[in-house]
Amino acid sequence: MVVSRDFQEVSVLECILGGLHIGVDVESEPERARAKLAKSKIDALIIDCDLCGASSFLKGLQDGTIRNAVPLIIVSGSGGRKHLESKGASFVFEKPISVEQAVHTLSAARNMILDERLRYHRATLDVPVSLTGASKRRQRAHLLNLSQGGIGVRLQKPQQAAGKVSVNFTLPGTKLAMKFQGEVAWKDKQGNAGIRFVESDRRMKRELQLWLERQYFMH
């Protein structure tokens, strides 16, 4: 959400955010923005500090009377950078906004938004997965959903799944063989189970994140 009446600056932001596949909701009145925040899920806020009523709006964000969104980006033509950052800003723009600066800052903000979304996003799948427990006996299962933190599976032999397991599968549409150390978090009588990742190679974790990002934008 962009809270501003400076339409020249808003048009620059809308153009760049559109290129980053981020939808933009513009509000010219801080009170209307406050009402919208109370009942809508907003991924990030861009606030023009020079807007009348912006100071009390920012104060509400700081003291918690307004539900905060992350990240918070402040735009202003007045006030030093340190002064603006003290208001709780994740990023600060100074007017007039340069396109180069805006692209750099909003790309960083986009990464923060994606990290937050992907933390809870689960990709629905139906691919084979191999699980190896403490007994070293390999069990085949169906991988049903996948997130950064773990997987949901359907087991052929539910009684054999417990404790720590080694998880092996190939990401659909790729030749990437993924291997994670996990722990069975829950299971039911129908053979469904949730496995939480407890250890992973940094490269594999990054490959998984990139794959999930692609799936997120495709749907």
N, C-alpha and C. Protein backbone atom coordinates (compact mmCIF):
# COMPACT_ATOMS: atom_id res chain seq x y z
N MET A 1 0.83 -1.19 0.00
CA MET A 1 0.00 0.00 0.00
C MET A 1 0.88 1.25 0.00
N VAL A 2 0.56 2.19 -0.90
CA VAL A 2 1.26 3.47 -0.95
C VAL A 2 0.33 4.53 -0.37
N VAL A 3 0.79 5.23 0.66
CA VAL A 3 0.00 6.29 1.29
C VAL A 3 0.62 7.62 0.90
N SER A 4 0.03 8.27 -0.11
CA SER A 4 0.63 9.50 -0.64
C SER A 4 -0.36 10.23 -1.52
N ARG A 5 -0.14 11.57 -1.66
CA ARG A 5 -0.91 12.37 -2.60
C ARG A 5 -0.02 12.91 -3.70
N ASP A 6 1.26 12.57 -3.63
CA ASP A 6 2.23 13.05 -4.62
C ASP A 6 2.16 12.12 -5.83
N PHE A 7 1.31 12.46 -6.78
CA PHE A 7 1.01 11.53 -7.87
C PHE A 7 2.19 11.29 -8.80
N GLN A 8 3.10 12.25 -8.86
CA GLN A 8 4.30 12.04 -9.68
C GLN A 8 5.16 10.93 -9.08
N GLU A 9 5.35 10.99 -7.75
CA GLU A 9 6.13 9.95 -7.07
C GLU A 9 5.38 8.61 -7.10
N VAL A 10 4.07 8.67 -6.92
CA VAL A 10 3.26 7.44 -6.94
C VAL A 10 3.37 6.74 -8.29
N SER A 11 3.35 7.49 -9.37
CA SER A 11 3.43 6.88 -10.70
C SER A 11 4.77 6.17 -10.91
N VAL A 12 5.86 6.76 -10.37
CA VAL A 12 7.18 6.11 -10.45
C VAL A 12 7.15 4.80 -9.68
N LEU A 13 6.60 4.83 -8.48
CA LEU A 13 6.54 3.63 -7.63
C LEU A 13 5.66 2.56 -8.26
N GLU A 14 4.51 2.95 -8.81
CA GLU A 14 3.60 1.99 -9.43
C GLU A 14 4.26 1.29 -10.61
N CYS A 15 5.01 2.05 -11.40
CA CYS A 15 5.69 1.49 -12.57
C CYS A 15 6.73 0.44 -12.14
N ILE A 16 7.53 0.78 -11.14
CA ILE A 16 8.59 -0.13 -10.68
C ILE A 16 8.01 -1.35 -9.98
N LEU A 17 7.01 -1.13 -9.12
CA LEU A 17 6.39 -2.25 -8.40
C LEU A 17 5.68 -3.20 -9.37
N GLY A 18 5.07 -2.64 -10.41
CA GLY A 18 4.44 -3.48 -11.44
C GLY A 18 5.45 -4.37 -12.12
N GLY A 19 6.64 -3.82 -12.39
CA GLY A 19 7.72 -4.61 -13.00
C GLY A 19 8.22 -5.71 -12.09
N LEU A 20 8.02 -5.54 -10.77
CA LEU A 20 8.45 -6.55 -9.79
C LEU A 20 7.30 -7.50 -9.44
N HIS A 21 6.19 -7.40 -10.19
CA HIS A 21 5.00 -8.26 -9.97
C HIS A 21 4.38 -8.05 -8.60
N ILE A 22 4.38 -6.79 -8.14
CA ILE A 22 3.76 -6.46 -6.86
C ILE A 22 2.58 -5.53 -7.13
N GLY A 23 1.39 -5.93 -6.68
CA GLY A 23 0.21 -5.09 -6.86
C GLY A 23 0.28 -3.86 -5.96
N VAL A 24 -0.30 -2.76 -6.41
CA VAL A 24 -0.22 -1.50 -5.66
C VAL A 24 -1.62 -0.99 -5.34
N ASP A 25 -1.82 -0.64 -4.08
CA ASP A 25 -3.05 -0.02 -3.62
C ASP A 25 -2.68 1.37 -3.10
N VAL A 26 -3.22 2.43 -3.72
CA VAL A 26 -2.85 3.79 -3.35
C VAL A 26 -3.95 4.42 -2.50
N GLU A 27 -3.56 4.99 -1.36
CA GLU A 27 -4.48 5.74 -0.51
C GLU A 27 -3.92 7.13 -0.28
N SER A 28 -4.75 8.16 -0.47
CA SER A 28 -4.29 9.54 -0.28
C SER A 28 -4.60 10.06 1.12
N GLU A 29 -5.42 9.32 1.88
CA GLU A 29 -5.79 9.74 3.23
C GLU A 29 -5.29 8.73 4.26
N PRO A 30 -4.43 9.16 5.20
CA PRO A 30 -3.92 8.24 6.23
C PRO A 30 -5.01 7.51 7.01
N GLU A 31 -6.14 8.19 7.27
CA GLU A 31 -7.21 7.55 8.04
C GLU A 31 -7.84 6.40 7.26
N ARG A 32 -7.98 6.58 5.95
CA ARG A 32 -8.53 5.49 5.12
C ARG A 32 -7.53 4.34 5.04
N ALA A 33 -6.26 4.69 5.00
CA ALA A 33 -5.22 3.65 5.00
C ALA A 33 -5.25 2.87 6.30
N ARG A 34 -5.46 3.58 7.41
CA ARG A 34 -5.54 2.94 8.73
C ARG A 34 -6.71 1.96 8.77
N ALA A 35 -7.85 2.36 8.25
CA ALA A 35 -9.04 1.50 8.23
C ALA A 35 -8.80 0.26 7.37
N LYS A 36 -8.14 0.45 6.24
CA LYS A 36 -7.87 -0.67 5.34
C LYS A 36 -6.90 -1.66 5.97
N LEU A 37 -5.90 -1.13 6.69
CA LEU A 37 -4.93 -2.00 7.37
C LEU A 37 -5.59 -2.89 8.41
N ALA A 38 -6.65 -2.36 9.04
CA ALA A 38 -7.32 -3.10 10.12
C ALA A 38 -8.05 -4.32 9.61
N LYS A 39 -8.44 -4.31 8.32
CA LYS A 39 -9.25 -5.43 7.82
C LYS A 39 -8.67 -6.13 6.59
N SER A 40 -7.49 -5.72 6.15
CA SER A 40 -6.88 -6.33 4.97
C SER A 40 -5.45 -6.77 5.26
N LYS A 41 -5.00 -7.77 4.49
CA LYS A 41 -3.61 -8.22 4.61
C LYS A 41 -2.76 -7.39 3.67
N ILE A 42 -1.89 -6.57 4.24
CA ILE A 42 -0.98 -5.73 3.47
C ILE A 42 0.44 -6.24 3.65
N ASP A 43 1.14 -6.45 2.54
CA ASP A 43 2.51 -6.99 2.62
C ASP A 43 3.55 -5.93 2.97
N ALA A 44 3.30 -4.68 2.56
CA ALA A 44 4.27 -3.61 2.82
C ALA A 44 3.59 -2.26 2.74
N LEU A 45 4.15 -1.29 3.43
CA LEU A 45 3.63 0.07 3.43
C LEU A 45 4.68 1.04 2.91
N ILE A 46 4.28 1.92 2.00
CA ILE A 46 5.14 3.02 1.57
C ILE A 46 4.41 4.30 1.96
N ILE A 47 5.00 5.08 2.86
CA ILE A 47 4.34 6.26 3.40
C ILE A 47 5.10 7.53 3.05
N ASP A 48 4.37 8.52 2.53
CA ASP A 48 4.94 9.84 2.25
C ASP A 48 4.87 10.65 3.54
N CYS A 49 6.04 10.92 4.13
CA CYS A 49 6.10 11.65 5.40
C CYS A 49 5.59 13.08 5.29
N ASP A 50 5.60 13.63 4.07
CA ASP A 50 5.18 15.02 3.89
C ASP A 50 3.66 15.15 3.80
N LEU A 51 2.96 14.02 3.82
CA LEU A 51 1.50 14.03 3.75
C LEU A 51 0.91 14.44 5.08
N CYS A 52 -0.10 15.29 5.04
CA CYS A 52 -0.77 15.72 6.27
C CYS A 52 -1.39 14.51 6.97
N GLY A 53 -1.07 14.33 8.23
CA GLY A 53 -1.58 13.19 9.00
C GLY A 53 -0.63 12.00 9.02
N ALA A 54 0.47 12.09 8.26
CA ALA A 54 1.41 10.97 8.19
C ALA A 54 2.12 10.74 9.53
N SER A 55 2.42 11.83 10.25
CA SER A 55 3.15 11.71 11.52
C SER A 55 2.38 10.89 12.54
N SER A 56 1.07 11.17 12.69
CA SER A 56 0.28 10.40 13.66
C SER A 56 0.10 8.97 13.19
N PHE A 57 0.03 8.77 11.86
CA PHE A 57 -0.07 7.43 11.30
C PHE A 57 1.17 6.60 11.65
N LEU A 58 2.35 7.21 11.47
CA LEU A 58 3.61 6.53 11.79
C LEU A 58 3.72 6.27 13.28
N LYS A 59 3.24 7.22 14.09
CA LYS A 59 3.28 7.04 15.55
C LYS A 59 2.42 5.83 15.94
N GLY A 60 1.28 5.69 15.26
CA GLY A 60 0.40 4.54 15.53
C GLY A 60 1.07 3.22 15.18
N LEU A 61 1.87 3.23 14.10
CA LEU A 61 2.62 2.03 13.72
C LEU A 61 3.66 1.69 14.78
N GLN A 62 4.32 2.73 15.31
CA GLN A 62 5.38 2.52 16.29
C GLN A 62 4.85 2.02 17.63
N ASP A 63 3.73 2.58 18.07
CA ASP A 63 3.23 2.18 19.40
C ASP A 63 2.28 0.98 19.35
N GLY A 64 2.03 0.47 18.14
CA GLY A 64 1.25 -0.76 18.02
C GLY A 64 -0.25 -0.57 17.92
N THR A 65 -0.74 0.69 17.94
CA THR A 65 -2.18 0.90 17.82
C THR A 65 -2.66 0.62 16.39
N ILE A 66 -1.71 0.69 15.44
CA ILE A 66 -2.00 0.27 14.06
C ILE A 66 -1.17 -0.98 13.80
N ARG A 67 -1.82 -2.03 13.27
CA ARG A 67 -1.11 -3.28 12.99
C ARG A 67 -0.01 -3.02 11.96
N ASN A 68 1.22 -3.32 12.33
CA ASN A 68 2.36 -3.00 11.47
C ASN A 68 2.48 -3.98 10.30
N ALA A 69 2.99 -3.49 9.21
CA ALA A 69 3.30 -4.33 8.06
C ALA A 69 4.80 -4.30 7.83
N VAL A 70 5.34 -5.38 7.33
CA VAL A 70 6.78 -5.43 7.08
C VAL A 70 7.00 -5.68 5.61
N PRO A 71 7.85 -4.96 4.93
CA PRO A 71 8.63 -3.85 5.46
C PRO A 71 7.89 -2.51 5.39
N LEU A 72 8.39 -1.53 6.12
CA LEU A 72 7.86 -0.17 6.11
C LEU A 72 8.85 0.72 5.36
N ILE A 73 8.37 1.41 4.34
CA ILE A 73 9.22 2.27 3.52
C ILE A 73 8.73 3.71 3.67
N ILE A 74 9.62 4.60 4.01
CA ILE A 74 9.25 6.00 4.22
C ILE A 74 9.83 6.87 3.10
N VAL A 75 8.98 7.73 2.56
CA VAL A 75 9.40 8.68 1.52
C VAL A 75 9.27 10.08 2.08
N SER A 76 10.28 10.90 1.90
CA SER A 76 10.18 12.27 2.39
C SER A 76 11.13 13.20 1.67
N GLY A 77 10.70 14.45 1.57
CA GLY A 77 11.57 15.47 1.00
C GLY A 77 12.23 16.28 2.08
N SER A 78 11.81 16.04 3.32
CA SER A 78 12.38 16.77 4.44
C SER A 78 12.74 15.80 5.56
N GLY A 79 13.69 16.18 6.40
CA GLY A 79 14.10 15.32 7.50
C GLY A 79 15.25 14.43 7.10
N GLY A 80 16.25 14.34 7.97
CA GLY A 80 17.42 13.53 7.68
C GLY A 80 17.11 12.04 7.68
N ARG A 81 17.97 11.26 7.04
CA ARG A 81 17.78 9.81 6.94
C ARG A 81 17.69 9.15 8.32
N LYS A 82 18.58 9.55 9.24
CA LYS A 82 18.57 8.94 10.58
C LYS A 82 17.27 9.24 11.30
N HIS A 83 16.77 10.47 11.12
CA HIS A 83 15.50 10.86 11.75
C HIS A 83 14.36 9.99 11.23
N LEU A 84 14.36 9.72 9.92
CA LEU A 84 13.30 8.91 9.32
C LEU A 84 13.41 7.45 9.73
N GLU A 85 14.65 6.93 9.78
CA GLU A 85 14.85 5.54 10.18
C GLU A 85 14.39 5.31 11.61
N SER A 86 14.49 6.35 12.45
CA SER A 86 14.08 6.22 13.86
C SER A 86 12.57 6.03 13.99
N LYS A 87 11.84 6.30 12.92
CA LYS A 87 10.38 6.12 12.93
C LYS A 87 9.97 4.68 12.61
N GLY A 88 10.95 3.79 12.53
CA GLY A 88 10.65 2.38 12.31
C GLY A 88 10.75 1.93 10.88
N ALA A 89 11.39 2.75 10.04
CA ALA A 89 11.46 2.42 8.61
C ALA A 89 12.43 1.28 8.33
N SER A 90 12.02 0.37 7.45
CA SER A 90 12.93 -0.65 6.95
C SER A 90 13.81 -0.06 5.86
N PHE A 91 13.22 0.87 5.07
CA PHE A 91 13.93 1.54 3.98
C PHE A 91 13.49 3.00 3.95
N VAL A 92 14.35 3.86 3.42
CA VAL A 92 14.03 5.29 3.32
C VAL A 92 14.33 5.78 1.90
N PHE A 93 13.37 6.49 1.33
CA PHE A 93 13.56 7.20 0.05
C PHE A 93 13.64 8.69 0.35
N GLU A 94 14.44 9.41 -0.41
CA GLU A 94 14.43 10.86 -0.32
C GLU A 94 13.95 11.41 -1.65
N LYS A 95 13.09 12.41 -1.59
CA LYS A 95 12.56 13.02 -2.81
C LYS A 95 13.59 13.97 -3.43
N PRO A 96 13.56 14.15 -4.75
CA PRO A 96 12.77 13.35 -5.70
C PRO A 96 13.33 11.94 -5.83
N ILE A 97 12.45 10.97 -6.00
CA ILE A 97 12.87 9.57 -6.08
C ILE A 97 13.58 9.32 -7.40
N SER A 98 14.78 8.79 -7.32
CA SER A 98 15.47 8.39 -8.55
C SER A 98 15.05 6.96 -8.88
N VAL A 99 14.89 6.67 -10.15
CA VAL A 99 14.45 5.34 -10.58
C VAL A 99 15.45 4.28 -10.13
N GLU A 100 16.74 4.59 -10.27
CA GLU A 100 17.78 3.63 -9.88
C GLU A 100 17.70 3.28 -8.40
N GLN A 101 17.53 4.31 -7.57
CA GLN A 101 17.41 4.09 -6.13
C GLN A 101 16.16 3.29 -5.80
N ALA A 102 15.05 3.65 -6.48
CA ALA A 102 13.78 2.98 -6.21
C ALA A 102 13.82 1.51 -6.59
N VAL A 103 14.42 1.19 -7.74
CA VAL A 103 14.52 -0.20 -8.18
C VAL A 103 15.33 -1.01 -7.16
N HIS A 104 16.46 -0.45 -6.71
CA HIS A 104 17.33 -1.14 -5.74
C HIS A 104 16.58 -1.38 -4.43
N THR A 105 15.94 -0.35 -3.91
CA THR A 105 15.26 -0.45 -2.61
C THR A 105 14.03 -1.35 -2.68
N LEU A 106 13.23 -1.18 -3.72
CA LEU A 106 12.00 -1.97 -3.82
C LEU A 106 12.29 -3.44 -4.13
N SER A 107 13.40 -3.71 -4.80
CA SER A 107 13.81 -5.11 -5.03
C SER A 107 14.15 -5.77 -3.69
N ALA A 108 14.84 -5.02 -2.82
CA ALA A 108 15.18 -5.54 -1.49
C ALA A 108 13.90 -5.75 -0.68
N ALA A 109 12.96 -4.81 -0.80
CA ALA A 109 11.68 -4.95 -0.09
C ALA A 109 10.91 -6.16 -0.60
N ARG A 110 10.95 -6.37 -1.92
CA ARG A 110 10.27 -7.52 -2.52
C ARG A 110 10.81 -8.83 -1.95
N ASN A 111 12.12 -8.90 -1.76
CA ASN A 111 12.72 -10.11 -1.20
C ASN A 111 12.21 -10.37 0.22
N MET A 112 12.05 -9.29 1.00
CA MET A 112 11.51 -9.42 2.36
C MET A 112 10.07 -9.92 2.32
N ILE A 113 9.28 -9.36 1.38
CA ILE A 113 7.88 -9.77 1.24
C ILE A 113 7.79 -11.25 0.85
N LEU A 114 8.63 -11.64 -0.13
CA LEU A 114 8.63 -13.03 -0.58
C LEU A 114 9.01 -13.99 0.53
N ASP A 115 10.03 -13.62 1.30
CA ASP A 115 10.46 -14.48 2.42
C ASP A 115 9.31 -14.71 3.39
N GLU A 116 8.57 -13.64 3.66
CA GLU A 116 7.44 -13.74 4.58
C GLU A 116 6.34 -14.62 4.02
N ARG A 117 6.03 -14.42 2.72
CA ARG A 117 4.96 -15.22 2.09
C ARG A 117 5.35 -16.69 1.98
N LEU A 118 6.60 -16.94 1.56
CA LEU A 118 7.03 -18.31 1.34
C LEU A 118 7.18 -19.10 2.64
N ARG A 119 7.32 -18.38 3.74
CA ARG A 119 7.41 -19.06 5.03
C ARG A 119 6.16 -19.89 5.29
N TYR A 120 5.02 -19.42 4.77
CA TYR A 120 3.74 -20.10 5.01
C TYR A 120 3.18 -20.77 3.76
N HIS A 121 3.83 -20.56 2.61
CA HIS A 121 3.32 -21.11 1.35
C HIS A 121 3.69 -22.59 1.20
N ARG A 122 2.69 -23.40 0.84
CA ARG A 122 2.94 -24.82 0.57
C ARG A 122 2.56 -25.13 -0.87
N ALA A 123 3.48 -25.70 -1.61
CA ALA A 123 3.21 -26.12 -2.98
C ALA A 123 2.61 -27.51 -2.95
N THR A 124 1.46 -27.70 -3.62
CA THR A 124 0.80 -29.01 -3.67
C THR A 124 1.46 -29.86 -4.75
N LEU A 125 1.83 -31.09 -4.37
CA LEU A 125 2.54 -31.98 -5.29
C LEU A 125 1.97 -33.39 -5.21
N ASP A 126 2.43 -34.23 -6.11
CA ASP A 126 2.17 -35.67 -6.02
C ASP A 126 3.35 -36.36 -6.70
N VAL A 127 4.44 -36.48 -5.97
CA VAL A 127 5.65 -37.09 -6.51
C VAL A 127 6.22 -38.08 -5.49
N PRO A 128 7.00 -39.06 -5.95
CA PRO A 128 7.57 -40.02 -5.01
C PRO A 128 8.65 -39.40 -4.14
N VAL A 129 8.74 -39.89 -2.91
CA VAL A 129 9.78 -39.45 -1.98
C VAL A 129 10.28 -40.67 -1.23
N SER A 130 11.56 -40.66 -0.93
CA SER A 130 12.18 -41.77 -0.21
C SER A 130 12.55 -41.31 1.19
N LEU A 131 12.17 -42.11 2.19
CA LEU A 131 12.45 -41.79 3.59
C LEU A 131 13.30 -42.89 4.20
N THR A 132 14.35 -42.52 4.90
CA THR A 132 15.21 -43.49 5.56
C THR A 132 15.31 -43.14 7.04
N GLY A 133 14.87 -44.06 7.89
CA GLY A 133 14.86 -43.82 9.33
C GLY A 133 16.11 -44.34 10.01
N ALA A 134 16.04 -44.43 11.34
CA ALA A 134 17.19 -44.88 12.14
C ALA A 134 17.61 -46.30 11.82
N SER A 135 16.63 -47.13 11.37
CA SER A 135 16.93 -48.54 11.05
C SER A 135 17.66 -48.68 9.71
N LYS A 136 17.81 -47.55 8.99
CA LYS A 136 18.43 -47.53 7.66
C LYS A 136 17.58 -48.22 6.59
N ARG A 137 16.36 -48.58 6.95
CA ARG A 137 15.46 -49.19 5.98
C ARG A 137 14.75 -48.09 5.20
N ARG A 138 14.82 -48.17 3.88
CA ARG A 138 14.23 -47.13 3.04
C ARG A 138 12.74 -47.39 2.83
N GLN A 139 11.95 -46.33 2.98
CA GLN A 139 10.50 -46.45 2.78
C GLN A 139 10.07 -45.47 1.69
N ARG A 140 9.29 -45.97 0.76
CA ARG A 140 8.77 -45.10 -0.29
C ARG A 140 7.45 -44.49 0.14
N ALA A 141 7.25 -43.23 -0.25
CA ALA A 141 6.02 -42.53 0.10
C ALA A 141 5.67 -41.54 -1.01
N HIS A 142 4.51 -40.90 -0.90
CA HIS A 142 4.11 -39.87 -1.85
C HIS A 142 4.25 -38.51 -1.18
N LEU A 143 4.97 -37.60 -1.85
CA LEU A 143 5.11 -36.25 -1.35
C LEU A 143 3.88 -35.45 -1.80
N LEU A 144 3.11 -34.92 -0.84
CA LEU A 144 1.86 -34.25 -1.15
C LEU A 144 1.98 -32.72 -1.18
N ASN A 145 2.79 -32.17 -0.29
CA ASN A 145 3.01 -30.73 -0.30
C ASN A 145 4.39 -30.41 0.26
N LEU A 146 4.87 -29.23 -0.11
CA LEU A 146 6.26 -28.87 0.17
C LEU A 146 6.36 -27.39 0.52
N SER A 147 7.11 -27.09 1.57
CA SER A 147 7.37 -25.70 1.95
C SER A 147 8.84 -25.57 2.30
N GLN A 148 9.26 -24.36 2.65
CA GLN A 148 10.65 -24.16 3.06
C GLN A 148 10.98 -24.94 4.33
N GLY A 149 9.96 -25.17 5.15
CA GLY A 149 10.22 -25.80 6.45
C GLY A 149 9.97 -27.27 6.55
N GLY A 150 9.35 -27.88 5.49
CA GLY A 150 9.07 -29.30 5.60
C GLY A 150 8.17 -29.82 4.50
N ILE A 151 7.70 -31.06 4.67
CA ILE A 151 6.85 -31.70 3.65
C ILE A 151 5.68 -32.41 4.31
N GLY A 152 4.63 -32.60 3.50
CA GLY A 152 3.52 -33.45 3.88
C GLY A 152 3.58 -34.67 2.99
N VAL A 153 3.44 -35.87 3.56
CA VAL A 153 3.56 -37.10 2.78
C VAL A 153 2.42 -38.07 3.10
N ARG A 154 2.20 -39.01 2.18
CA ARG A 154 1.32 -40.15 2.46
C ARG A 154 2.20 -41.39 2.48
N LEU A 155 2.18 -42.10 3.59
CA LEU A 155 3.07 -43.23 3.82
C LEU A 155 2.42 -44.55 3.42
N GLN A 156 3.24 -45.46 2.91
CA GLN A 156 2.75 -46.81 2.62
C GLN A 156 2.68 -47.64 3.90
N LYS A 157 3.62 -47.38 4.81
CA LYS A 157 3.67 -48.11 6.09
C LYS A 157 3.83 -47.10 7.22
N PRO A 158 2.71 -46.49 7.68
CA PRO A 158 2.75 -45.44 8.69
C PRO A 158 3.48 -45.82 9.97
N GLN A 159 3.38 -47.10 10.36
CA GLN A 159 3.98 -47.53 11.61
C GLN A 159 5.51 -47.43 11.61
N GLN A 160 6.09 -47.37 10.41
CA GLN A 160 7.56 -47.33 10.33
C GLN A 160 8.12 -45.91 10.39
N ALA A 161 7.24 -44.91 10.36
CA ALA A 161 7.71 -43.52 10.35
C ALA A 161 7.67 -42.93 11.76
N ALA A 162 8.85 -42.61 12.27
CA ALA A 162 8.94 -41.99 13.59
C ALA A 162 10.33 -41.39 13.76
N GLY A 163 10.40 -40.35 14.58
CA GLY A 163 11.71 -39.74 14.88
C GLY A 163 12.37 -39.09 13.68
N LYS A 164 13.68 -39.18 13.64
CA LYS A 164 14.45 -38.52 12.58
C LYS A 164 14.52 -39.38 11.32
N VAL A 165 14.38 -38.71 10.17
CA VAL A 165 14.43 -39.42 8.89
C VAL A 165 15.24 -38.62 7.88
N SER A 166 15.83 -39.34 6.94
CA SER A 166 16.50 -38.70 5.81
C SER A 166 15.49 -38.65 4.66
N VAL A 167 15.31 -37.47 4.06
CA VAL A 167 14.30 -37.26 3.03
C VAL A 167 14.97 -37.04 1.68
N ASN A 168 14.57 -37.83 0.67
CA ASN A 168 15.15 -37.70 -0.67
C ASN A 168 14.04 -37.62 -1.71
N PHE A 169 14.10 -36.60 -2.59
CA PHE A 169 13.12 -36.48 -3.67
C PHE A 169 13.71 -35.58 -4.76
N THR A 170 13.05 -35.60 -5.91
CA THR A 170 13.47 -34.75 -7.02
C THR A 170 12.41 -33.68 -7.24
N LEU A 171 12.83 -32.43 -7.35
CA LEU A 171 11.87 -31.34 -7.57
C LEU A 171 11.23 -31.48 -8.94
N PRO A 172 9.91 -31.45 -9.04
CA PRO A 172 9.22 -31.59 -10.33
C PRO A 172 9.71 -30.56 -11.35
N GLY A 173 9.87 -31.00 -12.59
CA GLY A 173 10.31 -30.10 -13.65
C GLY A 173 11.80 -29.82 -13.65
N THR A 174 12.54 -30.48 -12.75
CA THR A 174 13.99 -30.28 -12.67
C THR A 174 14.67 -31.64 -12.53
N LYS A 175 15.98 -31.63 -12.56
CA LYS A 175 16.76 -32.84 -12.27
C LYS A 175 17.46 -32.71 -10.92
N LEU A 176 16.94 -31.76 -10.11
CA LEU A 176 17.58 -31.49 -8.82
C LEU A 176 17.18 -32.55 -7.79
N ALA A 177 18.15 -33.33 -7.36
CA ALA A 177 17.92 -34.34 -6.31
C ALA A 177 18.09 -33.65 -4.96
N MET A 178 17.02 -33.58 -4.20
CA MET A 178 17.04 -32.89 -2.92
C MET A 178 17.20 -33.89 -1.77
N LYS A 179 18.00 -33.51 -0.78
CA LYS A 179 18.20 -34.36 0.38
C LYS A 179 18.19 -33.49 1.64
N PHE A 180 17.29 -33.83 2.55
CA PHE A 180 17.16 -33.08 3.80
C PHE A 180 17.10 -34.06 4.98
N GLN A 181 17.58 -33.61 6.11
CA GLN A 181 17.38 -34.36 7.36
C GLN A 181 16.12 -33.80 8.02
N GLY A 182 15.20 -34.68 8.34
CA GLY A 182 13.94 -34.22 8.90
C GLY A 182 13.54 -34.97 10.16
N GLU A 183 12.39 -34.59 10.67
CA GLU A 183 11.85 -35.20 11.88
C GLU A 183 10.34 -35.31 11.72
N VAL A 184 9.78 -36.47 12.01
CA VAL A 184 8.33 -36.67 11.87
C VAL A 184 7.63 -35.84 12.96
N ALA A 185 6.86 -34.85 12.53
CA ALA A 185 6.20 -33.95 13.47
C ALA A 185 4.83 -34.48 13.89
N TRP A 186 4.14 -35.16 12.94
CA TRP A 186 2.83 -35.74 13.23
C TRP A 186 2.50 -36.81 12.19
N LYS A 187 1.56 -37.68 12.52
CA LYS A 187 1.04 -38.66 11.55
C LYS A 187 -0.34 -39.09 12.00
N ASP A 188 -1.15 -39.57 11.04
CA ASP A 188 -2.49 -40.02 11.39
C ASP A 188 -2.70 -41.47 10.95
N LYS A 189 -3.88 -42.02 11.23
CA LYS A 189 -4.17 -43.43 10.94
C LYS A 189 -4.37 -43.69 9.45
N GLN A 190 -4.57 -42.62 8.67
CA GLN A 190 -4.76 -42.78 7.22
C GLN A 190 -3.42 -42.85 6.47
N GLY A 191 -2.31 -42.69 7.20
CA GLY A 191 -1.01 -42.76 6.56
C GLY A 191 -0.43 -41.40 6.17
N ASN A 192 -1.13 -40.32 6.54
CA ASN A 192 -0.59 -38.98 6.28
C ASN A 192 0.38 -38.59 7.38
N ALA A 193 1.41 -37.84 7.01
CA ALA A 193 2.40 -37.42 8.00
C ALA A 193 3.02 -36.09 7.60
N GLY A 194 3.48 -35.36 8.60
CA GLY A 194 4.19 -34.10 8.36
C GLY A 194 5.62 -34.25 8.85
N ILE A 195 6.56 -33.88 8.02
CA ILE A 195 7.98 -33.99 8.37
C ILE A 195 8.60 -32.60 8.35
N ARG A 196 9.19 -32.21 9.45
CA ARG A 196 9.82 -30.90 9.58
C ARG A 196 11.30 -31.01 9.27
N PHE A 197 11.82 -30.13 8.40
CA PHE A 197 13.25 -30.14 8.10
C PHE A 197 14.03 -29.62 9.31
N VAL A 198 15.06 -30.36 9.70
CA VAL A 198 15.88 -29.92 10.84
C VAL A 198 17.32 -29.61 10.42
N GLU A 199 17.70 -30.07 9.23
CA GLU A 199 19.06 -29.84 8.76
C GLU A 199 19.09 -29.93 7.23
N SER A 200 19.80 -28.99 6.61
CA SER A 200 19.88 -29.02 5.14
C SER A 200 21.14 -28.32 4.66
N ASP A 201 21.60 -28.75 3.50
CA ASP A 201 22.72 -28.10 2.85
C ASP A 201 22.28 -26.71 2.37
N ARG A 202 23.15 -25.71 2.53
CA ARG A 202 22.79 -24.34 2.17
C ARG A 202 22.39 -24.21 0.70
N ARG A 203 23.12 -24.92 -0.16
CA ARG A 203 22.82 -24.85 -1.60
C ARG A 203 21.44 -25.43 -1.89
N MET A 204 21.13 -26.57 -1.26
CA MET A 204 19.82 -27.19 -1.49
C MET A 204 18.69 -26.33 -0.95
N LYS A 205 18.93 -25.69 0.17
CA LYS A 205 17.93 -24.81 0.76
C LYS A 205 17.64 -23.65 -0.19
N ARG A 206 18.70 -23.12 -0.82
CA ARG A 206 18.54 -22.03 -1.77
C ARG A 206 17.81 -22.50 -3.03
N GLU A 207 18.15 -23.70 -3.52
CA GLU A 207 17.48 -24.25 -4.71
C GLU A 207 15.99 -24.44 -4.43
N LEU A 208 15.67 -24.92 -3.24
CA LEU A 208 14.27 -25.12 -2.86
C LEU A 208 13.54 -23.78 -2.82
N GLN A 209 14.17 -22.76 -2.24
CA GLN A 209 13.56 -21.44 -2.16
C GLN A 209 13.26 -20.87 -3.55
N LEU A 210 14.22 -20.99 -4.47
CA LEU A 210 14.03 -20.49 -5.83
C LEU A 210 12.90 -21.23 -6.54
N TRP A 211 12.84 -22.55 -6.34
CA TRP A 211 11.79 -23.36 -6.97
C TRP A 211 10.42 -22.95 -6.42
N LEU A 212 10.33 -22.77 -5.11
CA LEU A 212 9.06 -22.36 -4.50
C LEU A 212 8.63 -20.98 -4.98
N GLU A 213 9.59 -20.08 -5.17
CA GLU A 213 9.28 -18.75 -5.70
C GLU A 213 8.66 -18.85 -7.09
N ARG A 214 9.24 -19.71 -7.92
CA ARG A 214 8.71 -19.87 -9.28
C ARG A 214 7.28 -20.41 -9.25
N GLN A 215 7.04 -21.39 -8.37
CA GLN A 215 5.70 -21.96 -8.26
C GLN A 215 4.71 -20.92 -7.76
N TYR A 216 5.17 -20.08 -6.84
CA TYR A 216 4.31 -19.06 -6.24
C TYR A 216 3.80 -18.08 -7.30
N PHE A 217 4.72 -17.66 -8.20
CA PHE A 217 4.34 -16.68 -9.21
C PHE A 217 3.58 -17.30 -10.37
N MET A 218 3.68 -18.63 -10.52
CA MET A 218 2.97 -19.29 -11.62
C MET A 218 1.50 -19.52 -11.28
N HIS A 219 1.16 -19.45 -9.99
CA HIS A 219 -0.22 -19.76 -9.59
C HIS A 219 -0.95 -18.50 -9.16
